[in-house]
Amino acid sequence: MALFTVDSNNTFGKSVQESGRYNVKVLDSSELKTAKSTGNEMLVLNYEVLDGDYAGGRVLYDNFVWNPDNLDQSEKRFNTLLVAANVPDGTPINSIQDVLRGIINKQLNIKTEWVQSDYNGKWNLSVKTYDKLDTDGSKPDGKKRPNDGSAKKSNDPFNHAPQTDPFATGAPVDISDDDLPF
């Protein structure tokens, strides 16, 4: 009996392959953390694309750090997100946890760009701006993940290293029926 069967309808969703502007929903996998570098509170927001070619795709790990040493900038950053998500003016925010609870499942439009990580060198979608939902829908811009030729930075979700073709020599391959699994 098989452990399971492959089913293309039972996956984690499409991978967003292009930067651009996307209508998204804030996922409940978003969380409140502490920034390792500063010790400040930080929201890590995850989004799901609502429409277009990448509907169901995910944009992950959008970090919002609250900096108590620069309150003006922190307030503007968090207000930009909340206003884009249609949180009404005058809504009191008592904690970063309040922001997280209030933003889950909210819909907004984000603009993404490809950014290379200083940590591991991989190219990831990074959220650059926030706005209200776009009634015309999501708009990928055609810019795909840059390819620098490194196997470590490939789009392969299983991180397979590139391999040479063992059958490229043209030599016949002889496999006994006893060696076949079926």
Protein backbone atom coordinates (compact mmCIF):
# COMPACT_ATOMS: atom_id res chain seq x y z
CA MET A 1 0.00 0.00 0.00
CA ALA A 2 1.34 3.46 -0.93
CA LEU A 3 2.11 6.03 1.73
CA PHE A 4 0.38 8.67 -0.43
CA THR A 5 -0.11 9.57 -4.09
CA VAL A 6 1.16 12.69 -5.78
CA ASP A 7 -1.63 15.22 -6.20
CA SER A 8 -0.95 18.61 -7.83
CA ASN A 9 -4.10 19.95 -6.12
CA ASN A 10 -2.69 19.19 -2.67
CA THR A 11 0.30 21.53 -2.42
CA PHE A 12 1.29 24.64 -0.47
CA GLY A 13 0.35 26.86 -3.39
CA LYS A 14 2.00 28.52 -6.30
CA SER A 15 5.34 30.15 -5.96
CA VAL A 16 5.35 33.84 -6.90
CA GLN A 17 7.92 33.98 -9.70
CA GLU A 18 7.79 37.69 -10.58
CA SER A 19 8.13 40.93 -8.69
CA GLY A 20 5.34 43.47 -9.06
CA ARG A 21 2.21 44.71 -7.33
CA TYR A 22 -0.03 42.14 -5.69
CA ASN A 23 -3.37 42.19 -3.90
CA VAL A 24 -2.76 40.08 -0.79
CA LYS A 25 -4.26 38.87 2.47
CA VAL A 26 -2.19 38.86 5.67
CA LEU A 27 -1.89 35.23 6.78
CA ASP A 28 -2.39 33.95 10.31
CA SER A 29 1.12 32.45 10.12
CA SER A 30 2.38 36.02 10.68
CA GLU A 31 3.94 36.46 14.10
CA LEU A 32 5.41 38.78 16.70
CA LYS A 33 9.11 38.23 17.38
CA THR A 34 12.09 39.98 18.86
CA ALA A 35 14.66 41.32 16.38
CA LYS A 36 17.96 39.55 17.08
CA SER A 37 20.10 42.55 16.20
CA THR A 38 18.29 45.14 18.35
CA GLY A 39 16.04 43.28 20.78
CA ASN A 40 13.11 45.39 19.54
CA GLU A 41 9.65 43.98 18.86
CA MET A 42 9.15 42.93 15.26
CA LEU A 43 6.22 41.71 13.18
CA VAL A 44 7.01 39.06 10.58
CA LEU A 45 4.16 39.24 8.08
CA ASN A 46 3.28 36.57 5.53
CA TYR A 47 0.93 37.23 2.63
CA GLU A 48 -1.16 35.20 0.19
CA VAL A 49 -1.82 36.59 -3.30
CA LEU A 50 -5.57 36.98 -3.87
CA ASP A 51 -5.89 37.17 -7.66
CA GLY A 52 -4.21 36.86 -11.03
CA ASP A 53 -1.67 34.32 -12.25
CA TYR A 54 -0.16 33.89 -8.80
CA ALA A 55 -3.40 33.57 -6.81
CA GLY A 56 -2.65 31.39 -3.79
CA GLY A 57 1.08 32.15 -3.99
CA ARG A 58 2.92 33.35 -0.93
CA VAL A 59 5.15 36.32 -0.15
CA LEU A 60 6.85 35.58 3.16
CA TYR A 61 8.92 37.20 5.90
CA ASP A 62 8.09 40.88 5.62
CA ASN A 63 9.70 42.32 8.76
CA PHE A 64 8.34 45.36 10.62
CA VAL A 65 10.59 46.42 13.49
CA TRP A 66 9.31 48.84 16.14
CA ASN A 67 12.17 51.16 17.10
CA PRO A 68 11.44 52.98 20.38
CA ASP A 69 14.49 55.19 19.74
CA ASN A 70 12.86 56.55 16.57
CA LEU A 71 9.16 56.74 17.36
CA ASP A 72 8.26 59.08 14.50
CA GLN A 73 9.65 56.72 11.86
CA SER A 74 8.17 53.64 13.56
CA GLU A 75 4.71 55.24 13.75
CA LYS A 76 4.85 56.20 10.06
CA ARG A 77 5.96 52.70 9.03
CA PHE A 78 3.20 50.96 11.01
CA ASN A 79 0.57 53.59 10.03
CA THR A 80 1.42 53.03 6.34
CA LEU A 81 0.66 49.32 6.74
CA LEU A 82 -2.51 49.84 8.79
CA VAL A 83 -3.96 52.53 6.51
CA ALA A 84 -3.30 50.32 3.45
CA ALA A 85 -5.23 47.56 5.24
CA ASN A 86 -8.20 49.92 5.81
CA VAL A 87 -7.82 50.20 9.57
CA PRO A 88 -9.93 53.28 10.41
CA ASP A 89 -8.38 56.58 11.52
CA GLY A 90 -8.60 57.01 15.28
CA THR A 91 -8.12 53.29 16.06
CA PRO A 92 -6.00 53.14 19.24
CA ILE A 93 -2.93 50.88 19.08
CA ASN A 94 -1.78 49.84 22.54
CA SER A 95 0.89 47.32 21.57
CA ILE A 96 2.61 45.67 18.63
CA GLN A 97 0.58 42.57 19.55
CA ASP A 98 -2.55 44.69 18.88
CA VAL A 99 -1.21 45.44 15.40
CA LEU A 100 -0.67 41.74 14.73
CA ARG A 101 -4.14 40.74 15.99
CA GLY A 102 -5.75 43.50 13.93
CA ILE A 103 -3.86 42.91 10.68
CA ILE A 104 -4.48 39.15 10.32
CA ASN A 105 -6.76 38.43 7.31
CA LYS A 106 -6.74 42.09 6.24
CA GLN A 107 -6.35 42.74 2.52
CA LEU A 108 -4.03 45.27 0.89
CA ASN A 109 -1.77 45.77 -2.12
CA ILE A 110 2.00 45.34 -1.85
CA LYS A 111 4.80 46.18 -4.28
CA THR A 112 7.61 43.63 -4.34
CA GLU A 113 11.16 43.66 -5.70
CA TRP A 114 13.90 41.04 -5.85
CA VAL A 115 16.55 41.60 -3.17
CA GLN A 116 19.66 39.50 -2.57
CA SER A 117 20.13 38.42 1.05
CA ASP A 118 23.29 39.56 2.82
CA TYR A 119 22.94 36.48 5.03
CA ASN A 120 22.83 33.63 2.51
CA GLY A 121 23.09 35.28 -0.92
CA LYS A 122 19.68 34.01 -2.06
CA TRP A 123 17.29 36.23 -4.01
CA ASN A 124 13.94 36.79 -2.30
CA LEU A 125 10.88 38.92 -2.92
CA SER A 126 10.97 41.92 -0.61
CA VAL A 127 7.97 44.13 0.07
CA LYS A 128 8.78 47.78 -0.70
CA THR A 129 5.46 49.64 -0.52
CA TYR A 130 1.91 49.19 0.81
CA ASP A 131 -1.34 50.52 -0.58
CA LYS A 132 -5.05 49.81 -0.60
CA LEU A 133 -6.35 46.94 -2.76
CA ASP A 134 -6.04 47.59 -6.49
CA THR A 135 -9.46 47.15 -8.10
CA ASP A 136 -7.71 46.25 -11.37
CA GLY A 137 -6.04 43.28 -9.65
CA SER A 138 -2.48 42.11 -9.17
CA LYS A 139 0.13 43.20 -11.70
CA PRO A 140 3.33 41.14 -11.97
CA ASP A 141 6.04 43.18 -13.69
CA GLY A 142 7.76 40.37 -15.60
CA LYS A 143 10.98 40.52 -13.56
CA LYS A 144 11.88 37.00 -12.45
CA ARG A 145 14.32 35.92 -9.76
CA PRO A 146 17.84 36.83 -10.88
CA ASN A 147 20.03 33.86 -11.70
CA ASP A 148 23.67 34.13 -10.74
CA GLY A 149 24.55 30.59 -11.86
CA SER A 150 25.08 29.28 -8.33
CA ALA A 151 23.44 25.96 -7.43
CA LYS A 152 23.00 27.25 -3.88
CA LYS A 153 20.83 30.08 -5.18
CA SER A 154 18.65 27.98 -7.48
CA ASN A 155 14.85 28.00 -7.54
CA ASP A 156 14.85 24.25 -6.84
CA PRO A 157 12.69 23.84 -3.70
CA PHE A 158 14.52 20.62 -2.84
CA ASN A 159 18.02 22.18 -3.23
CA HIS A 160 19.19 19.53 -5.66
CA ALA A 161 22.71 20.14 -6.90
CA PRO A 162 23.02 20.20 -10.70
CA GLN A 163 24.08 16.80 -11.97
CA THR A 164 25.61 15.56 -15.18
CA ASP A 165 23.51 13.31 -17.39
CA PRO A 166 24.68 9.72 -16.77
CA PHE A 167 23.16 8.68 -20.09
CA ALA A 168 24.94 11.31 -22.17
CA THR A 169 27.75 8.91 -23.19
CA GLY A 170 25.43 7.01 -25.52
CA ALA A 171 26.55 3.70 -24.05
CA PRO A 172 23.75 1.15 -23.71
CA VAL A 173 22.24 0.75 -20.27
CA ASP A 174 21.51 -2.82 -19.25
CA ILE A 175 19.18 -3.24 -16.28
CA SER A 176 18.07 -6.70 -15.21
CA ASP A 177 14.35 -7.28 -14.65
CA ASP A 178 15.34 -8.47 -11.17
CA ASP A 179 16.56 -4.93 -10.34
CA LEU A 180 13.23 -3.25 -11.17
CA PRO A 181 10.93 -2.37 -8.25
CA PHE A 182 7.76 -3.34 -10.09
